[in-house]
PDB file of N, CA and C in Angstrom:
ATOM      1  N   MET A   1      17.857 -12.304 -18.358  1.00  0.00           N
ATOM      2  CA  MET A   1      18.069 -11.416 -19.626  1.00  0.00           C
ATOM      3  C   MET A   1      19.324 -10.848 -19.360  1.00  0.00           C
ATOM      4  N   CYS A   2      20.141 -10.504 -20.179  1.00  0.00           N
ATOM      5  CA  CYS A   2      21.241  -9.737 -19.741  1.00  0.00           C
ATOM      6  C   CYS A   2      20.965  -8.185 -20.121  1.00  0.00           C
ATOM      7  N   PRO A   3      21.380  -7.305 -19.441  1.00  0.00           N
ATOM      8  CA  PRO A   3      20.830  -6.039 -19.504  1.00  0.00           C
ATOM      9  C   PRO A   3      21.790  -5.115 -20.370  1.00  0.00           C
ATOM     10  N   ILE A   4      22.757  -5.764 -21.057  1.00  0.00           N
ATOM     11  CA  ILE A   4      23.975  -5.207 -21.710  1.00  0.00           C
ATOM     12  C   ILE A   4      23.634  -5.864 -23.282  1.00  0.00           C
ATOM     13  N   ARG A   5      23.661  -4.776 -24.302  1.00  0.00           N
ATOM     14  CA  ARG A   5      23.833  -5.076 -25.609  1.00  0.00           C
ATOM     15  C   ARG A   5      25.024  -4.722 -26.338  1.00  0.00           C
ATOM     16  N   VAL A   6      25.782  -5.515 -27.185  1.00  0.00           N
ATOM     17  CA  VAL A   6      27.094  -5.526 -27.808  1.00  0.00           C
ATOM     18  C   VAL A   6      26.578  -5.504 -29.601  1.00  0.00           C
ATOM     19  N   HIS A   7      26.968  -4.243 -29.928  1.00  0.00           N
ATOM     20  CA  HIS A   7      26.760  -3.876 -31.296  1.00  0.00           C
ATOM     21  C   HIS A   7      28.236  -3.816 -32.028  1.00  0.00           C
ATOM     22  N   TRP A   8      28.176  -4.423 -33.037  1.00  0.00           N
ATOM     23  CA  TRP A   8      29.539  -3.918 -33.739  1.00  0.00           C
ATOM     24  C   TRP A   8      29.355  -3.756 -35.238  1.00  0.00           C
ATOM     25  N   HIS A   9      30.220  -3.442 -36.040  1.00  0.00           N
ATOM     26  CA  HIS A   9      29.982  -3.332 -37.515  1.00  0.00           C
ATOM     27  C   HIS A   9      31.597  -2.980 -37.952  1.00  0.00           C
ATOM     28  N   VAL A  10      31.553  -3.060 -39.400  1.00  0.00           N
ATOM     29  CA  VAL A  10      32.862  -2.691 -39.889  1.00  0.00           C
ATOM     30  C   VAL A  10      32.731  -1.278 -40.597  1.00  0.00           C
ATOM     31  N   LYS A  11      33.366  -0.469 -40.129  1.00  0.00           N
ATOM     32  CA  LYS A  11      33.329   0.999 -40.737  1.00  0.00           C
ATOM     33  C   LYS A  11      34.128   1.061 -42.006  1.00  0.00           C
ATOM     34  N   VAL A  12      35.336   0.778 -41.858  1.00  0.00           N
ATOM     35  CA  VAL A  12      36.209   0.681 -43.041  1.00  0.00           C
ATOM     36  C   VAL A  12      36.595  -0.571 -43.589  1.00  0.00           C
ATOM     37  N   ASN A  13      36.672  -1.082 -44.741  1.00  0.00           N
ATOM     38  CA  ASN A  13      37.254  -2.274 -45.032  1.00  0.00           C
ATOM     39  C   ASN A  13      37.990  -2.282 -46.355  1.00  0.00           C
ATOM     40  N   TYR A  14      39.358  -1.816 -46.073  1.00  0.00           N
ATOM     41  CA  TYR A  14      40.261  -1.941 -47.057  1.00  0.00           C
ATOM     42  C   TYR A  14      41.256  -3.222 -47.495  1.00  0.00           C
ATOM     43  N   VAL A  15      42.039  -3.272 -48.222  1.00  0.00           N
ATOM     44  CA  VAL A  15      42.598  -4.292 -48.687  1.00  0.00           C
ATOM     45  C   VAL A  15      43.904  -4.607 -47.382  1.00  0.00           C
ATOM     46  N   ASP A  16      44.343  -3.560 -47.073  1.00  0.00           N
ATOM     47  CA  ASP A  16      45.415  -3.701 -45.695  1.00  0.00           C
ATOM     48  C   ASP A  16      45.022  -3.593 -44.680  1.00  0.00           C
ATOM     49  N   TYR A  17      43.974  -3.206 -44.492  1.00  0.00           N
ATOM     50  CA  TYR A  17      43.329  -3.231 -43.068  1.00  0.00           C
ATOM     51  C   TYR A  17      41.963  -2.885 -42.883  1.00  0.00           C
ATOM     52  N   TRP A  18      41.191  -3.144 -41.844  1.00  0.00           N
ATOM     53  CA  TRP A  18      39.913  -2.840 -41.676  1.00  0.00           C
ATOM     54  C   TRP A  18      39.593  -2.191 -40.230  1.00  0.00           C
ATOM     55  N   ARG A  19      38.463  -1.484 -40.046  1.00  0.00           N
ATOM     56  CA  ARG A  19      38.345  -0.838 -38.941  1.00  0.00           C
ATOM     57  C   ARG A  19      36.977  -0.983 -38.515  1.00  0.00           C
ATOM     58  N   VAL A  20      36.758  -1.457 -37.163  1.00  0.00           N
ATOM     59  CA  VAL A  20      35.465  -2.109 -36.499  1.00  0.00           C
ATOM     60  C   VAL A  20      35.123  -1.191 -35.452  1.00  0.00           C
ATOM     61  N   LYS A  21      33.937  -0.835 -35.403  1.00  0.00           N
ATOM     62  CA  LYS A  21      33.271   0.059 -34.270  1.00  0.00           C
ATOM     63  C   LYS A  21      32.260  -0.934 -33.418  1.00  0.00           C
ATOM     64  N   ILE A  22      32.810  -1.041 -32.000  1.00  0.00           N
ATOM     65  CA  ILE A  22      32.079  -1.672 -30.940  1.00  0.00           C
ATOM     66  C   ILE A  22      31.223  -0.807 -30.154  1.00  0.00           C
ATOM     67  N   SER A  23      30.008  -0.839 -30.147  1.00  0.00           N
ATOM     68  CA  SER A  23      29.290  -0.075 -29.071  1.00  0.00           C
ATOM     69  C   SER A  23      28.549  -1.172 -28.056  1.00  0.00           C
ATOM     70  N   ILE A  24      28.620  -0.564 -26.943  1.00  0.00           N
ATOM     71  CA  ILE A  24      28.104  -1.468 -25.795  1.00  0.00           C
ATOM     72  C   ILE A  24      27.066  -0.407 -25.036  1.00  0.00           C
ATOM     73  N   THR A  25      25.847  -0.974 -24.755  1.00  0.00           N
ATOM     74  CA  THR A  25      24.624  -0.392 -24.353  1.00  0.00           C
ATOM     75  C   THR A  25      24.381  -0.913 -23.004  1.00  0.00           C
ATOM     76  N   ASN A  26      24.209  -0.209 -22.035  1.00  0.00           N
ATOM     77  CA  ASN A  26      23.647  -0.546 -20.784  1.00  0.00           C
ATOM     78  C   ASN A  26      22.200  -0.574 -20.645  1.00  0.00           C
ATOM     79  N   PHE A  27      21.288  -1.541 -20.669  1.00  0.00           N
ATOM     80  CA  PHE A  27      19.964  -1.188 -20.104  1.00  0.00           C
ATOM     81  C   PHE A  27      19.468  -1.184 -18.747  1.00  0.00           C
ATOM     82  N   ASN A  28      20.411  -1.669 -18.009  1.00  0.00           N
ATOM     83  CA  ASN A  28      20.203  -1.693 -16.359  1.00  0.00           C
ATOM     84  C   ASN A  28      20.819  -0.186 -15.816  1.00  0.00           C
ATOM     85  N   TYR A  29      19.927   0.891 -15.937  1.00  0.00           N
ATOM     86  CA  TYR A  29      20.437   2.214 -15.329  1.00  0.00           C
ATOM     87  C   TYR A  29      20.772   2.337 -13.890  1.00  0.00           C
ATOM     88  N   ARG A  30      20.667   1.170 -13.317  1.00  0.00           N
ATOM     89  CA  ARG A  30      20.883   1.475 -11.809  1.00  0.00           C
ATOM     90  C   ARG A  30      22.371   0.920 -11.382  1.00  0.00           C
ATOM     91  N   MET A  31      22.881   0.143 -12.577  1.00  0.00           N
ATOM     92  CA  MET A  31      24.382  -0.270 -12.494  1.00  0.00           C
ATOM     93  C   MET A  31      25.375   0.295 -13.389  1.00  0.00           C
ATOM     94  N   ASN A  32      26.454   0.446 -12.923  1.00  0.00           N
ATOM     95  CA  ASN A  32      27.498   1.069 -13.654  1.00  0.00           C
ATOM     96  C   ASN A  32      28.484   0.035 -14.051  1.00  0.00           C
ATOM     97  N   TYR A  33      28.523  -0.134 -15.269  1.00  0.00           N
ATOM     98  CA  TYR A  33      29.573  -1.328 -15.612  1.00  0.00           C
ATOM     99  C   TYR A  33      30.719  -0.778 -16.435  1.00  0.00           C
ATOM    100  N   THR A  34      31.808   0.142 -15.655  1.00  0.00           N
ATOM    101  CA  THR A  34      32.786   0.859 -16.437  1.00  0.00           C
ATOM    102  C   THR A  34      33.863  -0.125 -16.699  1.00  0.00           C
ATOM    103  N   GLN A  35      33.970  -1.102 -16.011  1.00  0.00           N
ATOM    104  CA  GLN A  35      35.086  -2.061 -15.944  1.00  0.00           C
ATOM    105  C   GLN A  35      34.773  -3.437 -16.428  1.00  0.00           C
ATOM    106  N   TRP A  36      34.091  -3.452 -17.781  1.00  0.00           N
ATOM    107  CA  TRP A  36      33.616  -4.729 -18.247  1.00  0.00           C
ATOM    108  C   TRP A  36      34.693  -5.329 -18.990  1.00  0.00           C
ATOM    109  N   THR A  37      34.376  -6.602 -19.185  1.00  0.00           N
ATOM    110  CA  THR A  37      35.175  -7.534 -20.086  1.00  0.00           C
ATOM    111  C   THR A  37      34.422  -8.045 -21.315  1.00  0.00           C
ATOM    112  N   LEU A  38      34.979  -8.137 -22.423  1.00  0.00           N
ATOM    113  CA  LEU A  38      34.283  -8.659 -23.383  1.00  0.00           C
ATOM    114  C   LEU A  38      35.355  -9.726 -24.147  1.00  0.00           C
ATOM    115  N   VAL A  39      34.797 -10.928 -24.515  1.00  0.00           N
ATOM    116  CA  VAL A  39      35.659 -11.846 -25.519  1.00  0.00           C
ATOM    117  C   VAL A  39      35.132 -11.816 -27.032  1.00  0.00           C
ATOM    118  N   ILE A  40      35.964 -11.760 -27.809  1.00  0.00           N
ATOM    119  CA  ILE A  40      35.613 -11.576 -29.359  1.00  0.00           C
ATOM    120  C   ILE A  40      36.470 -12.993 -29.957  1.00  0.00           C
ATOM    121  N   GLN A  41      35.788 -13.649 -30.623  1.00  0.00           N
ATOM    122  CA  GLN A  41      36.390 -14.449 -31.514  1.00  0.00           C
ATOM    123  C   GLN A  41      36.313 -14.297 -32.945  1.00  0.00           C
ATOM    124  N   HIS A  42      37.686 -14.064 -33.885  1.00  0.00           N
ATOM    125  CA  HIS A  42      37.231 -13.766 -35.213  1.00  0.00           C
ATOM    126  C   HIS A  42      38.572 -14.418 -35.775  1.00  0.00           C
ATOM    127  N   PRO A  43      38.457 -14.553 -37.160  1.00  0.00           N
ATOM    128  CA  PRO A  43      39.616 -15.394 -37.905  1.00  0.00           C
ATOM    129  C   PRO A  43      40.614 -14.405 -38.043  1.00  0.00           C
ATOM    130  N   ASN A  44      40.193 -13.274 -38.112  1.00  0.00           N
ATOM    131  CA  ASN A  44      41.340 -12.211 -38.361  1.00  0.00           C
ATOM    132  C   ASN A  44      42.034 -11.345 -37.124  1.00  0.00           C
ATOM    133  N   MET A  45      41.755 -11.757 -35.986  1.00  0.00           N
ATOM    134  CA  MET A  45      42.271 -11.316 -34.752  1.00  0.00           C
ATOM    135  C   MET A  45      43.784 -11.154 -34.736  1.00  0.00           C
ATOM    136  N   ASN A  46      44.423 -12.066 -35.236  1.00  0.00           N
ATOM    137  CA  ASN A  46      45.910 -11.881 -35.145  1.00  0.00           C
ATOM    138  C   ASN A  46      46.273 -10.504 -35.734  1.00  0.00           C
ATOM    139  N   ASN A  47      45.814  -9.727 -36.730  1.00  0.00           N
ATOM    140  CA  ASN A  47      46.061  -8.782 -37.470  1.00  0.00           C
ATOM    141  C   ASN A  47      45.859  -7.379 -36.720  1.00  0.00           C
ATOM    142  N   ILE A  48      45.528  -7.360 -35.324  1.00  0.00           N
ATOM    143  CA  ILE A  48      45.093  -6.243 -34.620  1.00  0.00           C
ATOM    144  C   ILE A  48      46.398  -5.338 -34.636  1.00  0.00           C
ATOM    145  N   THR A  49      46.211  -4.038 -34.990  1.00  0.00           N
ATOM    146  CA  THR A  49      47.289  -3.042 -34.960  1.00  0.00           C
ATOM    147  C   THR A  49      46.947  -2.055 -33.811  1.00  0.00           C
ATOM    148  N   GLN A  50      45.827  -1.566 -33.606  1.00  0.00           N
ATOM    149  CA  GLN A  50      45.618  -0.497 -32.883  1.00  0.00           C
ATOM    150  C   GLN A  50      44.143  -0.431 -32.269  1.00  0.00           C
ATOM    151  N   VAL A  51      44.091  -0.487 -30.846  1.00  0.00           N
ATOM    152  CA  VAL A  51      42.840  -0.248 -30.213  1.00  0.00           C
ATOM    153  C   VAL A  51      42.765   1.065 -29.630  1.00  0.00           C
ATOM    154  N   PHE A  52      41.352   1.558 -29.575  1.00  0.00           N
ATOM    155  CA  PHE A  52      41.297   2.925 -29.157  1.00  0.00           C
ATOM    156  C   PHE A  52      40.086   2.676 -27.866  1.00  0.00           C
ATOM    157  N   SER A  53      40.124   3.413 -26.971  1.00  0.00           N
ATOM    158  CA  SER A  53      39.356   3.601 -25.617  1.00  0.00           C
ATOM    159  C   SER A  53      38.973   2.312 -24.902  1.00  0.00           C
ATOM    160  N   PHE A  54      39.756   1.154 -25.223  1.00  0.00           N
ATOM    161  CA  PHE A  54      39.792   0.307 -24.129  1.00  0.00           C
ATOM    162  C   PHE A  54      40.993  -1.007 -24.236  1.00  0.00           C
ATOM    163  N   GLU A  55      41.208  -1.670 -23.450  1.00  0.00           N
ATOM    164  CA  GLU A  55      42.465  -2.367 -23.383  1.00  0.00           C
ATOM    165  C   GLU A  55      42.201  -3.837 -24.323  1.00  0.00           C
ATOM    166  N   TYR A  56      43.114  -4.274 -24.733  1.00  0.00           N
ATOM    167  CA  TYR A  56      43.350  -5.504 -25.575  1.00  0.00           C
ATOM    168  C   TYR A  56      44.480  -6.492 -25.296  1.00  0.00           C
ATOM    169  N   ASN A  57      44.015  -7.704 -25.007  1.00  0.00           N
ATOM    170  CA  ASN A  57      44.874  -8.828 -24.849  1.00  0.00           C
ATOM    171  C   ASN A  57      44.649  -9.982 -25.611  1.00  0.00           C
ATOM    172  N   PRO A  58      45.537 -10.502 -26.406  1.00  0.00           N
ATOM    173  CA  PRO A  58      44.822 -11.769 -27.046  1.00  0.00           C
ATOM    174  C   PRO A  58      45.044 -12.985 -26.359  1.00  0.00           C
ATOM    175  N   VAL A  59      44.274 -13.844 -26.623  1.00  0.00           N
ATOM    176  CA  VAL A  59      44.194 -14.931 -25.886  1.00  0.00           C
ATOM    177  C   VAL A  59      44.718 -16.145 -26.899  1.00  0.00           C
ATOM    178  N   SER A  60      45.782 -16.534 -26.598  1.00  0.00           N
ATOM    179  CA  SER A  60      46.484 -17.627 -27.356  1.00  0.00           C
ATOM    180  C   SER A  60      46.757 -18.812 -26.660  1.00  0.00           C
ATOM    181  N   LEU A  61      45.497 -19.668 -26.880  1.00  0.00           N
ATOM    182  CA  LEU A  61      45.553 -20.864 -26.464  1.00  0.00           C
ATOM    183  C   LEU A  61      46.688 -22.017 -27.195  1.00  0.00           C
ATOM    184  N   TYR A  62      46.565 -21.625 -28.647  1.00  0.00           N
ATOM    185  CA  TYR A  62      47.582 -22.378 -29.332  1.00  0.00           C
ATOM    186  C   TYR A  62      48.303 -21.230 -30.183  1.00  0.00           C
ATOM    187  N   LYS A  63      49.632 -21.652 -30.053  1.00  0.00           N
ATOM    188  CA  LYS A  63      50.609 -20.742 -30.745  1.00  0.00           C
ATOM    189  C   LYS A  63      50.115 -20.391 -32.310  1.00  0.00           C
ATOM    190  N   SER A  64      49.747 -21.263 -33.077  1.00  0.00           N
ATOM    191  CA  SER A  64      49.579 -21.241 -34.473  1.00  0.00           C
ATOM    192  C   SER A  64      48.061 -20.334 -34.632  1.00  0.00           C
ATOM    193  N   ILE A  65      47.304 -20.556 -33.803  1.00  0.00           N
ATOM    194  CA  ILE A  65      46.105 -19.714 -34.304  1.00  0.00           C
ATOM    195  C   ILE A  65      45.776 -18.799 -32.713  1.00  0.00           C
ATOM    196  N   ASN A  66      45.572 -17.524 -33.437  1.00  0.00           N
ATOM    197  CA  ASN A  66      45.004 -16.376 -32.606  1.00  0.00           C
ATOM    198  C   ASN A  66      43.870 -15.715 -33.080  1.00  0.00           C
ATOM    199  N   ASP A  67      42.699 -16.275 -32.687  1.00  0.00           N
ATOM    200  CA  ASP A  67      41.646 -15.683 -33.212  1.00  0.00           C
ATOM    201  C   ASP A  67      40.565 -15.268 -32.169  1.00  0.00           C
ATOM    202  N   THR A  68      41.293 -15.198 -30.829  1.00  0.00           N
ATOM    203  CA  THR A  68      40.253 -14.817 -29.805  1.00  0.00           C
ATOM    204  C   THR A  68      40.929 -13.729 -29.010  1.00  0.00           C
ATOM    205  N   GLY A  69      40.340 -12.695 -28.449  1.00  0.00           N
ATOM    206  CA  GLY A  69      40.832 -11.428 -27.908  1.00  0.00           C
ATOM    207  C   GLY A  69      40.070 -11.267 -26.689  1.00  0.00           C
ATOM    208  N   MET A  70      40.798 -10.545 -25.966  1.00  0.00           N
ATOM    209  CA  MET A  70      39.898 -10.153 -24.486  1.00  0.00           C
ATOM    210  C   MET A  70      39.967  -8.408 -24.641  1.00  0.00           C
ATOM    211  N   PHE A  71      38.887  -7.821 -24.504  1.00  0.00           N
ATOM    212  CA  PHE A  71      38.718  -6.388 -24.467  1.00  0.00           C
ATOM    213  C   PHE A  71      38.358  -6.068 -23.104  1.00  0.00           C
ATOM    214  N   TYR A  72      38.988  -5.041 -22.475  1.00  0.00           N
ATOM    215  CA  TYR A  72      38.511  -4.504 -21.076  1.00  0.00           C
ATOM    216  C   TYR A  72      38.208  -2.912 -21.050  1.00  0.00           C
ATOM    217  N   GLY A  73      37.050  -2.750 -20.333  1.00  0.00           N
ATOM    218  CA  GLY A  73      36.960  -1.378 -20.401  1.00  0.00           C
ATOM    219  C   GLY A  73      37.662  -0.716 -19.603  1.00  0.00           C
ATOM    220  N   MET A  74      38.306   0.661 -19.807  1.00  0.00           N
ATOM    221  CA  MET A  74      39.021   1.514 -18.997  1.00  0.00           C
ATOM    222  C   MET A  74      38.250   2.469 -18.200  1.00  0.00           C
ATOM    223  N   LYS A  75      38.728   2.827 -16.920  1.00  0.00           N
ATOM    224  CA  LYS A  75      38.301   3.789 -16.256  1.00  0.00           C
ATOM    225  C   LYS A  75      38.485   5.193 -16.994  1.00  0.00           C
ATOM    226  N   TYR A  76      37.310   6.093 -16.765  1.00  0.00           N
ATOM    227  CA  TYR A  76      37.424   7.595 -17.286  1.00  0.00           C
ATOM    228  C   TYR A  76      37.248   7.444 -18.742  1.00  0.00           C
ATOM    229  N   TYR A  77      37.504   6.379 -19.544  1.00  0.00           N
ATOM    230  CA  TYR A  77      36.625   6.501 -20.835  1.00  0.00           C
ATOM    231  C   TYR A  77      35.151   5.804 -20.896  1.00  0.00           C
ATOM    232  N   ASN A  78      34.820   4.927 -20.034  1.00  0.00           N
ATOM    233  CA  ASN A  78      33.740   4.369 -19.919  1.00  0.00           C
ATOM    234  C   ASN A  78      32.778   4.725 -18.822  1.00  0.00           C
ATOM    235  N   GLU A  79      33.054   5.884 -18.442  1.00  0.00           N
ATOM    236  CA  GLU A  79      32.165   6.101 -17.129  1.00  0.00           C
ATOM    237  C   GLU A  79      30.583   6.053 -17.174  1.00  0.00           C
ATOM    238  N   MET A  80      30.187   6.476 -18.336  1.00  0.00           N
ATOM    239  CA  MET A  80      28.758   6.695 -18.393  1.00  0.00           C
ATOM    240  C   MET A  80      28.174   5.529 -19.005  1.00  0.00           C
ATOM    241  N   LEU A  81      28.651   4.127 -18.971  1.00  0.00           N
ATOM    242  CA  LEU A  81      28.126   3.177 -19.378  1.00  0.00           C
ATOM    243  C   LEU A  81      27.425   2.362 -18.318  1.00  0.00           C
TER     244      LEU A  81
END
């Protein structure tokens, strides 16, 4: 069983943009997962304009399709995870 839970939901859904909140919960209290990696695949991943509290790099296997992204935890932002 994986001791990590990833929960996401759409906070704002406008015509021009949308905002998503991602929450990561650690259920293994003896381990500290401050430098985590999360892969997300979504059809609208090519329209990312701003990312807060973690790093983002697009995974572009095909130049015409960009629907996958890698998100990385940042030290000092995720110390209590």
